Amino acid sequence: MLYQLYETQRSLMEPFSDFAQAAAKMYSQPPFKQAPFAQRVSAGLDLMYRLAKDYERPQFEIKTVDVNGVSVAIHERVEVDMPFCELRRFKRFSDDPATLQSLKGQPVVLIVAPLSGHYATLLRDTVQTMLKDHKVYITDWKNARNVPLSEGEFHLDDYVNYVESFIRHLQGIYGNCHVMSVCQPTVPVLAAVSLMASRGEKTPLSMTMMGGPIDASKSPTSVNNLATNKSFEWFENNVIYRVPANFPGAGRRVYPGFLQHTGFVAMNPDRHAKSHYEYFQDLIKGDDAHVEAHRKFYDEYNAVLDMDADYYLETIQTVFQDFKLVRGTWDVKNPAGKPERVKPQDIQNTGLLTVEGELDDISGSGQTQSAHGLCSGIPANQKRHLEAKGAGHYGIFSGRRWRDVVYPEVKAFILAHQPKAAPVKTVAKSLATSAAAKKRVPTGSRKIKPQ
């Protein structure tokens, strides 16, 4: 019922939001611009519009990246489309021969984005930076309210199975890959690699785990405390609702995005109020740079998705209440429905890098680093831990500290676990060799098939 009430209220507010947007533009243009207090009126209406509007899924909008001084074009496409997730690829193109040869030999990285409220575009800066030195794929989780009931339920076990299938997909194309998980997916990614190792399957070359609740009992944050102070039944009775009839997933049980957003804002209400007031002042002053920065941040921050209820509730119970991963009691059902015990100690041939932010208020100190103790089968010289000084949760995968402090370490670790490629012939040498071969082969002795 709450979800339907929210949608009704949003629909009623939409005309007022549109009016505020139009009026804000009107007061910022002549002749209305010359009226007394026109800038303040325009700024107030613009702020009203942004507070009342409905935020849709943002786009990655990564068109080019700089690779060693050469601008490389990026083509974004869906590689694998599954009911609850798309595997998205950022393919790089260049007409510079040397750059093209360099791109071909770079490591393949699967970035597993969080399914915890925001869209995968929250990792835009992560992707854009990684593209300079890697072939990049990312999990783009779908809004559960848009997934029809006919597609079935989505459980935490399904998340783990999805990750396994994406790893196998990349292994089938490239032989192997590296995996990076940011925040929430550190747990299901570690489970997926553990299960693959226990079965004797090929495991990724390396795992990079950033700011995730591997052991949520260590240095608990306000996020952890909420999950432990409330019972499983409380979450099921208070945050789970049915999707209204005006969406493709009508009738699906979800944790609605608008409730999640309310929780995000409630964690730091003063900070958000201050940010919106500063935005109002910047509009009046005409500070376009700060205005655009505010808009970009909140276009991303305010765009939230619904999570399937089964997945969300099982994550609360498994990760934050029962600590099944660290206690060795977690069984995951494979696609055939057979339960398999998650045993991280079985991982042997995968490098492990963990990253934490010194000031992280979502995943506390030591929570991610605990993966090292669980992965006892990985040799010590194949493990590395990094604490990013002065970095909060978002700072370890976005912004200046990510680019200047964390990324160089991630890049070096992945490269250290990348098999050495065979020497690549230069273009000139290849052409000369081809010409010499043609001279040695008598005319008509054999036909050359086009490549």
Protein backbone atom coordinates (compact mmCIF):
# COMPACT_ATOMS: atom_id res chain seq x y z
CA MET A 1 0.00 0.00 0.00
CA LEU A 2 2.83 2.41 0.86
CA TYR A 3 4.39 1.96 -2.58
CA GLN A 4 1.08 2.79 -4.28
CA LEU A 5 0.64 5.86 -2.07
CA TYR A 6 4.14 7.01 -2.95
CA GLU A 7 3.48 6.60 -6.68
CA THR A 8 0.20 8.50 -6.37
CA GLN A 9 1.92 11.35 -4.55
CA ARG A 10 4.73 11.41 -7.12
CA SER A 11 2.22 11.56 -9.98
CA LEU A 12 0.41 14.45 -8.30
CA MET A 13 3.69 16.32 -7.78
CA GLU A 14 4.93 15.82 -11.34
CA PRO A 15 2.97 18.74 -12.89
CA PHE A 16 4.22 21.10 -10.15
CA SER A 17 7.79 19.90 -10.71
CA ASP A 18 7.50 20.52 -14.45
CA PHE A 19 6.00 23.96 -13.79
CA ALA A 20 8.86 24.83 -11.41
CA GLN A 21 11.41 23.83 -14.06
CA ALA A 22 9.73 25.93 -16.76
CA ALA A 23 9.29 28.93 -14.45
CA ALA A 24 12.93 28.74 -13.33
CA LYS A 25 14.06 28.91 -16.95
CA MET A 26 11.65 31.79 -17.65
CA TYR A 27 13.00 33.92 -14.80
CA SER A 28 16.57 33.32 -15.96
CA GLN A 29 15.87 34.80 -19.43
CA PRO A 30 15.11 38.35 -20.60
CA PRO A 31 12.90 40.27 -20.03
CA PHE A 32 12.01 38.52 -16.75
CA LYS A 33 15.68 38.37 -15.81
CA GLN A 34 15.70 42.13 -15.22
CA ALA A 35 12.90 41.96 -12.64
CA PRO A 36 13.78 42.49 -8.96
CA PHE A 37 14.82 39.27 -7.19
CA ALA A 38 14.52 37.36 -10.49
CA GLN A 39 17.69 35.36 -9.79
CA ARG A 40 16.46 34.34 -6.35
CA VAL A 41 13.07 33.32 -7.70
CA SER A 42 14.70 31.32 -10.50
CA ALA A 43 17.10 29.66 -8.08
CA GLY A 44 14.29 28.75 -5.66
CA LEU A 45 12.15 27.27 -8.42
CA ASP A 46 15.11 25.31 -9.79
CA LEU A 47 15.80 23.85 -6.35
CA MET A 48 12.10 22.99 -5.96
CA TYR A 49 12.18 21.19 -9.31
CA ARG A 50 15.23 19.12 -8.39
CA LEU A 51 13.79 18.16 -5.00
CA ALA A 52 10.49 17.03 -6.52
CA LYS A 53 11.56 15.45 -9.82
CA ASP A 54 11.77 11.72 -10.50
CA TYR A 55 15.34 10.61 -11.14
CA GLU A 56 15.76 7.97 -13.81
CA ARG A 57 18.70 5.63 -14.41
CA PRO A 58 21.72 7.72 -15.48
CA GLN A 59 23.89 6.80 -18.46
CA PHE A 60 27.60 6.01 -18.31
CA GLU A 61 28.29 8.45 -21.19
CA ILE A 62 31.93 7.40 -21.52
CA LYS A 63 32.72 8.38 -25.11
CA THR A 64 36.52 8.45 -25.11
CA VAL A 65 39.47 7.74 -22.82
CA ASP A 66 43.07 8.83 -23.04
CA VAL A 67 45.53 5.96 -23.52
CA ASN A 68 49.15 7.11 -23.48
CA GLY A 69 48.23 10.43 -25.04
CA VAL A 70 45.95 8.93 -27.70
CA SER A 71 42.18 9.48 -27.60
CA VAL A 72 40.48 6.07 -27.79
CA ALA A 73 36.79 5.80 -28.72
CA ILE A 74 34.49 3.78 -26.43
CA HIS A 75 31.51 1.78 -27.63
CA GLU A 76 29.22 0.60 -24.85
CA ARG A 77 27.15 -2.49 -25.49
CA VAL A 78 25.30 -5.28 -23.67
CA GLU A 79 27.30 -8.49 -23.96
CA VAL A 80 24.97 -10.79 -21.96
CA ASP A 81 21.36 -10.04 -21.06
CA MET A 82 19.91 -11.98 -18.13
CA PRO A 83 16.57 -11.43 -16.35
CA PHE A 84 18.01 -9.37 -13.47
CA CYS A 85 21.33 -8.17 -14.86
CA GLU A 86 23.16 -7.12 -18.01
CA LEU A 87 26.84 -7.77 -18.55
CA ARG A 88 27.95 -4.51 -20.14
CA ARG A 89 31.14 -4.14 -22.18
CA PHE A 90 33.09 -0.98 -22.95
CA LYS A 91 34.87 -1.81 -26.18
CA ARG A 92 37.76 0.44 -27.19
CA PHE A 93 38.58 1.50 -30.75
CA SER A 94 41.62 3.25 -32.20
CA ASP A 95 43.09 3.81 -35.65
CA ASP A 96 46.59 4.23 -34.21
CA PRO A 97 48.47 0.92 -34.90
CA ALA A 98 50.74 1.13 -31.84
CA THR A 99 47.84 1.94 -29.53
CA LEU A 100 45.75 -0.86 -31.02
CA GLN A 101 48.50 -3.41 -30.38
CA SER A 102 48.80 -2.15 -26.80
CA LEU A 103 45.05 -2.47 -26.20
CA LYS A 104 44.95 -6.05 -27.44
CA GLY A 105 47.39 -7.30 -24.82
CA GLN A 106 45.84 -5.61 -21.79
CA PRO A 107 44.16 -7.54 -18.93
CA VAL A 108 40.43 -8.31 -18.93
CA VAL A 109 38.59 -7.10 -15.81
CA LEU A 110 35.07 -7.94 -14.68
CA ILE A 111 33.82 -5.18 -12.36
CA VAL A 112 30.99 -6.46 -10.18
CA ALA A 113 28.90 -3.42 -9.25
CA PRO A 114 26.84 -3.24 -6.05
CA LEU A 115 23.20 -4.21 -5.97
CA SER A 116 22.45 -2.06 -2.96
CA GLY A 117 20.25 0.79 -4.11
CA HIS A 118 22.17 2.72 -6.74
CA TYR A 119 22.79 1.83 -10.37
CA ALA A 120 26.10 0.58 -11.75
CA THR A 121 26.70 4.08 -13.13
CA LEU A 122 27.82 4.99 -9.60
CA LEU A 123 31.11 3.37 -10.69
CA ARG A 124 31.47 5.60 -13.75
CA ASP A 125 34.80 7.02 -12.54
CA THR A 126 36.00 3.50 -11.71
CA VAL A 127 35.21 2.28 -15.23
CA GLN A 128 36.64 5.33 -16.98
CA THR A 129 39.93 5.06 -15.11
CA MET A 130 40.22 1.29 -15.59
CA LEU A 131 39.66 1.63 -19.35
CA LYS A 132 43.05 3.27 -19.75
CA ASP A 133 44.84 -0.01 -19.07
CA HIS A 134 42.22 -2.79 -19.17
CA LYS A 135 39.42 -4.40 -21.15
CA VAL A 136 36.45 -3.63 -18.94
CA TYR A 137 33.13 -5.39 -18.34
CA ILE A 138 30.63 -4.48 -15.62
CA THR A 139 27.51 -6.02 -14.10
CA ASP A 140 24.59 -3.62 -14.64
CA TRP A 141 21.83 -4.78 -12.29
CA LYS A 142 18.24 -4.14 -13.36
CA ASN A 143 15.53 -2.35 -11.41
CA ALA A 144 13.42 -5.18 -9.96
CA ARG A 145 10.20 -3.25 -10.53
CA ASN A 146 10.80 -3.64 -14.27
CA VAL A 147 11.31 -7.43 -14.15
CA PRO A 148 8.04 -9.32 -14.78
CA LEU A 149 6.96 -11.95 -12.28
CA SER A 150 7.22 -14.51 -15.08
CA GLU A 151 11.02 -14.27 -14.76
CA GLY A 152 10.82 -15.85 -11.31
CA GLU A 153 12.41 -14.86 -8.02
CA PHE A 154 15.92 -13.55 -7.43
CA HIS A 155 17.85 -14.84 -4.43
CA LEU A 156 21.33 -14.21 -3.07
CA ASP A 157 22.23 -17.66 -4.47
CA ASP A 158 21.18 -16.42 -7.92
CA TYR A 159 23.51 -13.43 -7.53
CA VAL A 160 26.40 -15.83 -6.85
CA ASN A 161 25.42 -17.96 -9.86
CA TYR A 162 25.25 -14.87 -12.09
CA VAL A 163 28.80 -13.91 -11.10
CA GLU A 164 30.05 -17.42 -11.87
CA SER A 165 28.38 -17.39 -15.29
CA PHE A 166 29.91 -14.00 -16.16
CA ILE A 167 33.38 -15.22 -15.14
CA ARG A 168 32.97 -18.33 -17.29
CA HIS A 169 31.77 -16.19 -20.19
CA LEU A 170 34.94 -14.10 -20.12
CA GLN A 171 37.12 -17.17 -19.61
CA GLY A 172 35.55 -18.67 -22.73
CA ILE A 173 36.52 -15.60 -24.76
CA TYR A 174 39.92 -14.66 -23.31
CA GLY A 175 41.09 -17.75 -21.42
CA ASN A 176 40.77 -16.01 -18.06
CA CYS A 177 40.05 -12.68 -16.40
CA HIS A 178 40.47 -10.59 -13.27
CA VAL A 179 37.55 -9.69 -10.96
CA MET A 180 36.97 -6.45 -9.06
CA SER A 181 34.12 -6.10 -6.55
CA VAL A 182 33.08 -2.84 -4.93
CA CYS A 183 31.23 -2.78 -1.58
CA GLN A 184 28.28 -5.21 -1.32
CA PRO A 185 29.41 -7.73 -4.02
CA THR A 186 32.66 -8.59 -2.23
CA VAL A 187 30.72 -11.29 -0.37
CA PRO A 188 28.96 -13.01 -3.32
CA VAL A 189 32.10 -12.66 -5.48
CA LEU A 190 34.21 -14.40 -2.86
CA ALA A 191 31.53 -17.09 -2.66
CA ALA A 192 31.46 -17.53 -6.45
CA VAL A 193 35.24 -17.91 -6.75
CA SER A 194 35.29 -20.23 -3.71
CA LEU A 195 32.68 -22.53 -5.25
CA MET A 196 34.54 -22.59 -8.57
CA ALA A 197 37.75 -23.53 -6.74
CA SER A 198 36.01 -26.27 -4.73
CA ARG A 199 34.73 -27.83 -7.96
CA GLY A 200 38.18 -27.74 -9.52
CA GLU A 201 37.18 -25.08 -12.07
CA LYS A 202 39.56 -22.46 -13.37
CA THR A 203 39.39 -19.41 -11.08
CA PRO A 204 40.10 -15.76 -11.99
CA LEU A 205 43.70 -14.59 -12.10
CA SER A 206 43.08 -12.07 -9.32
CA MET A 207 40.36 -10.69 -7.04
CA THR A 208 40.31 -7.04 -6.01
CA MET A 209 37.87 -6.43 -3.15
CA MET A 210 37.08 -2.86 -2.18
CA GLY A 211 35.21 -1.63 0.89
CA GLY A 212 32.98 -4.67 1.40
CA PRO A 213 31.41 -6.40 4.43
CA ILE A 214 33.32 -9.69 4.28
CA ASP A 215 33.16 -9.78 8.08
CA ALA A 216 30.52 -7.26 9.14
CA SER A 217 31.15 -8.00 12.83
CA LYS A 218 34.42 -6.03 12.73
CA SER A 219 34.26 -2.30 13.43
CA PRO A 220 30.49 -2.20 12.91
CA THR A 221 29.10 0.98 11.34
CA SER A 222 25.60 2.46 11.54
CA VAL A 223 24.69 0.33 8.52
CA ASN A 224 25.79 -2.83 10.32
CA ASN A 225 24.10 -1.82 13.55
CA LEU A 226 20.75 -1.34 11.86
CA ALA A 227 20.93 -4.87 10.45
CA THR A 228 21.85 -6.41 13.80
CA ASN A 229 19.50 -4.37 16.01
CA LYS A 230 16.41 -5.27 13.99
CA SER A 231 15.12 -8.79 13.50
CA PHE A 232 14.70 -10.52 10.16
CA GLU A 233 10.92 -10.28 10.63
CA TRP A 234 11.16 -6.51 11.21
CA PHE A 235 12.78 -6.00 7.80
CA GLU A 236 10.26 -8.27 6.12
CA ASN A 237 7.30 -6.47 7.70
CA ASN A 238 8.53 -2.87 7.42
CA VAL A 239 10.54 -2.40 4.22
CA ILE A 240 9.11 -4.96 1.79
CA TYR A 241 6.24 -3.93 -0.52
CA ARG A 242 4.57 -5.04 -3.74
CA VAL A 243 5.35 -3.23 -7.01
CA PRO A 244 2.27 -1.24 -8.17
CA ALA A 245 0.34 -2.15 -11.31
CA ASN A 246 1.86 0.60 -13.48
CA PHE A 247 5.24 -1.18 -13.75
CA PRO A 248 6.25 -4.34 -15.68
CA GLY A 249 7.12 -6.08 -12.41
CA ALA A 250 3.68 -5.50 -10.90
CA GLY A 251 3.13 -7.71 -7.86
CA ARG A 252 6.84 -8.45 -7.24
CA ARG A 253 7.96 -8.15 -3.63
CA VAL A 254 10.73 -5.54 -3.41
CA TYR A 255 12.66 -3.24 -1.13
CA PRO A 256 11.62 0.00 -2.90
CA GLY A 257 14.23 2.47 -4.07
CA PHE A 258 12.44 5.46 -2.51
CA LEU A 259 12.73 3.86 0.95
CA GLN A 260 16.42 3.21 0.38
CA HIS A 261 16.93 6.81 -0.69
CA THR A 262 15.21 7.99 2.49
CA GLY A 263 17.68 5.89 4.47
CA PHE A 264 20.66 7.30 2.56
CA VAL A 265 19.60 10.87 3.27
CA ALA A 266 18.79 10.11 6.92
CA MET A 267 22.40 9.02 7.50
CA ASN A 268 23.68 12.58 6.85
CA PRO A 269 20.70 14.99 6.74
CA ASP A 270 22.72 18.08 7.72
CA ARG A 271 25.24 17.47 4.95
CA HIS A 272 22.52 17.19 2.30
CA ALA A 273 20.65 20.28 3.58
CA LYS A 274 23.89 22.27 3.46
CA SER A 275 24.65 21.01 -0.04
CA HIS A 276 21.23 22.08 -1.35
CA TYR A 277 21.54 25.51 0.29
CA GLU A 278 24.96 26.00 -1.28
CA TYR A 279 23.45 24.98 -4.63
CA PHE A 280 20.81 27.72 -4.19
CA GLN A 281 23.52 30.27 -3.47
CA ASP A 282 25.64 29.15 -6.42
CA LEU A 283 22.65 29.60 -8.73
CA ILE A 284 22.23 33.16 -7.50
CA LYS A 285 25.94 33.91 -7.92
CA GLY A 286 26.03 32.29 -11.35
CA ASP A 287 28.76 29.82 -10.33
CA ASP A 288 28.16 27.42 -13.22
CA ALA A 289 31.00 25.02 -12.30
CA HIS A 290 29.70 24.32 -8.80
CA VAL A 291 26.09 24.21 -10.01
CA GLU A 292 26.93 21.55 -12.60
CA ALA A 293 28.97 19.55 -10.08
CA HIS A 294 26.00 19.51 -7.69
CA ARG A 295 23.62 18.41 -10.43
CA LYS A 296 25.87 15.61 -11.60
CA PHE A 297 26.32 14.26 -8.08
CA TYR A 298 22.63 14.30 -7.18
CA ASP A 299 21.51 13.00 -10.58
CA GLU A 300 23.46 9.89 -9.61
CA TYR A 301 22.78 9.88 -5.88
CA ASN A 302 19.01 10.32 -6.23
CA ALA A 303 18.63 7.62 -8.91
CA VAL A 304 17.76 4.43 -7.04
CA LEU A 305 16.39 1.02 -7.97
CA ASP A 306 14.15 -1.53 -6.28
CA MET A 307 15.77 -4.72 -5.03
CA ASP A 308 14.03 -8.09 -5.12
CA ALA A 309 12.81 -8.89 -1.60
CA ASP A 310 14.29 -12.40 -1.42
CA TYR A 311 17.75 -11.17 -2.39
CA TYR A 312 17.66 -8.26 0.04
CA LEU A 313 16.36 -10.22 3.04
CA GLU A 314 18.79 -13.10 2.47
CA THR A 315 21.69 -10.63 2.27
CA ILE A 316 20.66 -9.08 5.60
CA GLN A 317 20.47 -12.49 7.23
CA THR A 318 23.52 -14.13 5.63
CA VAL A 319 25.98 -11.22 5.77
CA PHE A 320 24.92 -8.98 8.66
CA GLN A 321 23.07 -11.22 11.10
CA ASP A 322 24.38 -14.78 10.83
CA PHE A 323 27.86 -14.01 9.41
CA LYS A 324 27.66 -17.26 7.47
CA LEU A 325 30.70 -16.60 5.28
CA VAL A 326 33.17 -16.09 8.12
CA ARG A 327 31.61 -18.87 10.22
CA GLY A 328 31.83 -21.38 7.37
CA THR A 329 28.11 -22.18 7.42
CA TRP A 330 27.02 -20.73 4.08
CA ASP A 331 25.49 -23.11 1.55
CA VAL A 332 24.68 -21.78 -1.93
CA LYS A 333 22.29 -23.54 -4.31
CA ASN A 334 23.71 -23.98 -7.80
CA PRO A 335 21.46 -23.59 -10.88
CA ALA A 336 20.47 -27.26 -10.54
CA GLY A 337 19.20 -26.60 -7.01
CA LYS A 338 21.97 -28.52 -5.22
CA PRO A 339 23.44 -26.78 -2.12
CA GLU A 340 27.22 -26.37 -2.03
CA ARG A 341 29.27 -25.17 0.95
CA VAL A 342 31.27 -21.95 0.43
CA LYS A 343 34.90 -22.66 1.35
CA PRO A 344 37.27 -19.74 0.62
CA GLN A 345 40.20 -21.81 1.84
CA ASP A 346 39.94 -23.84 -1.38
CA ILE A 347 41.08 -20.87 -3.49
CA GLN A 348 44.75 -21.32 -4.39
CA ASN A 349 45.57 -19.83 -7.78
CA THR A 350 43.95 -16.40 -7.51
CA GLY A 351 45.71 -13.29 -6.25
CA LEU A 352 43.89 -11.30 -3.54
CA LEU A 353 43.98 -7.52 -3.13
CA THR A 354 41.78 -5.86 -0.50
CA VAL A 355 41.21 -2.10 -0.30
CA GLU A 356 39.73 -0.13 2.58
CA GLY A 357 39.22 3.58 3.18
CA GLU A 358 40.59 5.01 6.41
CA LEU A 359 37.39 7.04 6.95
CA ASP A 360 34.87 4.55 5.54
CA ASP A 361 31.60 4.90 7.47
CA ILE A 362 29.78 2.13 5.56
CA SER A 363 32.23 -0.81 5.64
CA GLY A 364 34.27 -0.50 8.81
CA SER A 365 38.00 -1.05 9.24
CA GLY A 366 39.04 -4.68 8.90
CA GLN A 367 35.80 -5.91 7.34
CA THR A 368 37.31 -6.32 3.86
CA GLN A 369 40.79 -7.26 5.05
CA SER A 370 39.29 -10.30 6.79
CA ALA A 371 39.19 -12.00 3.38
CA HIS A 372 42.91 -12.71 3.80
CA GLY A 373 42.29 -14.97 6.79
CA LEU A 374 39.48 -16.79 5.03
CA CYS A 375 41.53 -17.39 1.88
CA SER A 376 44.20 -19.40 3.67
CA GLY A 377 45.01 -21.43 0.55
CA ILE A 378 46.36 -18.39 -1.30
CA PRO A 379 50.13 -17.95 -0.71
CA ALA A 380 51.06 -14.91 1.37
CA ASN A 381 53.10 -13.43 -1.48
CA GLN A 382 49.96 -13.40 -3.64
CA LYS A 383 48.01 -11.25 -1.15
CA ARG A 384 48.05 -7.50 -0.62
CA HIS A 385 46.09 -5.06 1.52
CA LEU A 386 45.80 -1.30 0.99
CA GLU A 387 44.32 1.26 3.36
CA ALA A 388 43.68 4.53 1.55
CA LYS A 389 44.51 7.33 3.98
CA GLY A 390 41.91 10.06 4.19
CA ALA A 391 39.47 8.19 1.95
CA GLY A 392 35.85 7.57 2.82
CA HIS A 393 33.70 4.86 1.26
CA TYR A 394 33.22 6.54 -2.11
CA GLY A 395 36.79 7.81 -2.16
CA ILE A 396 38.23 4.33 -2.69
CA PHE A 397 36.53 3.94 -6.09
CA SER A 398 35.73 7.48 -7.23
CA GLY A 399 37.46 10.84 -7.21
CA ARG A 400 41.00 12.03 -6.71
CA ARG A 401 42.09 9.48 -4.09
CA TRP A 402 40.81 6.62 -6.25
CA ARG A 403 42.72 7.89 -9.29
CA ASP A 404 45.92 8.95 -7.53
CA VAL A 405 46.25 6.49 -4.62
CA VAL A 406 44.12 3.39 -5.12
CA TYR A 407 44.17 2.85 -8.88
CA PRO A 408 47.99 2.67 -9.27
CA GLU A 409 48.00 -0.15 -6.69
CA VAL A 410 45.11 -1.96 -8.37
CA LYS A 411 46.73 -1.62 -11.80
CA ALA A 412 50.07 -2.95 -10.55
CA PHE A 413 48.46 -5.88 -8.73
CA ILE A 414 46.44 -6.96 -11.76
CA LEU A 415 49.47 -6.65 -14.02
CA ALA A 416 51.56 -8.74 -11.62
CA HIS A 417 48.98 -11.55 -11.98
CA GLN A 418 48.57 -11.25 -15.72
CA PRO A 419 50.31 -14.02 -17.73
CA LYS A 420 53.15 -12.74 -19.87
CA ALA A 421 51.99 -12.46 -23.47
CA ALA A 422 54.07 -13.73 -26.35
CA PRO A 423 56.16 -10.99 -28.01
CA VAL A 424 54.07 -9.06 -30.52
CA LYS A 425 55.63 -8.45 -33.91
CA THR A 426 55.71 -4.87 -35.05
CA VAL A 427 53.56 -3.96 -38.03
CA ALA A 428 56.62 -3.21 -40.20
CA LYS A 429 58.25 -6.52 -39.34
CA SER A 430 55.03 -8.43 -40.02
CA LEU A 431 54.68 -6.80 -43.45
CA ALA A 432 58.30 -7.55 -44.33
CA THR A 433 57.92 -11.18 -43.26
CA SER A 434 54.74 -11.51 -45.29
CA ALA A 435 56.43 -10.07 -48.39
CA ALA A 436 59.37 -12.45 -48.04
CA ALA A 437 57.02 -15.41 -47.67
CA LYS A 438 55.22 -14.50 -50.88
CA LYS A 439 58.53 -14.55 -52.76
CA ARG A 440 59.33 -18.02 -51.45
CA VAL A 441 55.95 -19.53 -52.36
CA PRO A 442 55.61 -20.44 -56.08
CA THR A 443 52.63 -18.89 -57.82
CA GLY A 444 49.60 -21.17 -57.70
CA SER A 445 51.15 -23.58 -55.18
CA ARG A 446 48.42 -22.82 -52.61
CA LYS A 447 45.54 -20.47 -51.97
CA ILE A 448 45.54 -17.97 -49.13
CA LYS A 449 42.19 -17.70 -47.33
CA PRO A 450 41.04 -14.23 -46.30
CA GLN A 451 41.37 -13.58 -42.50
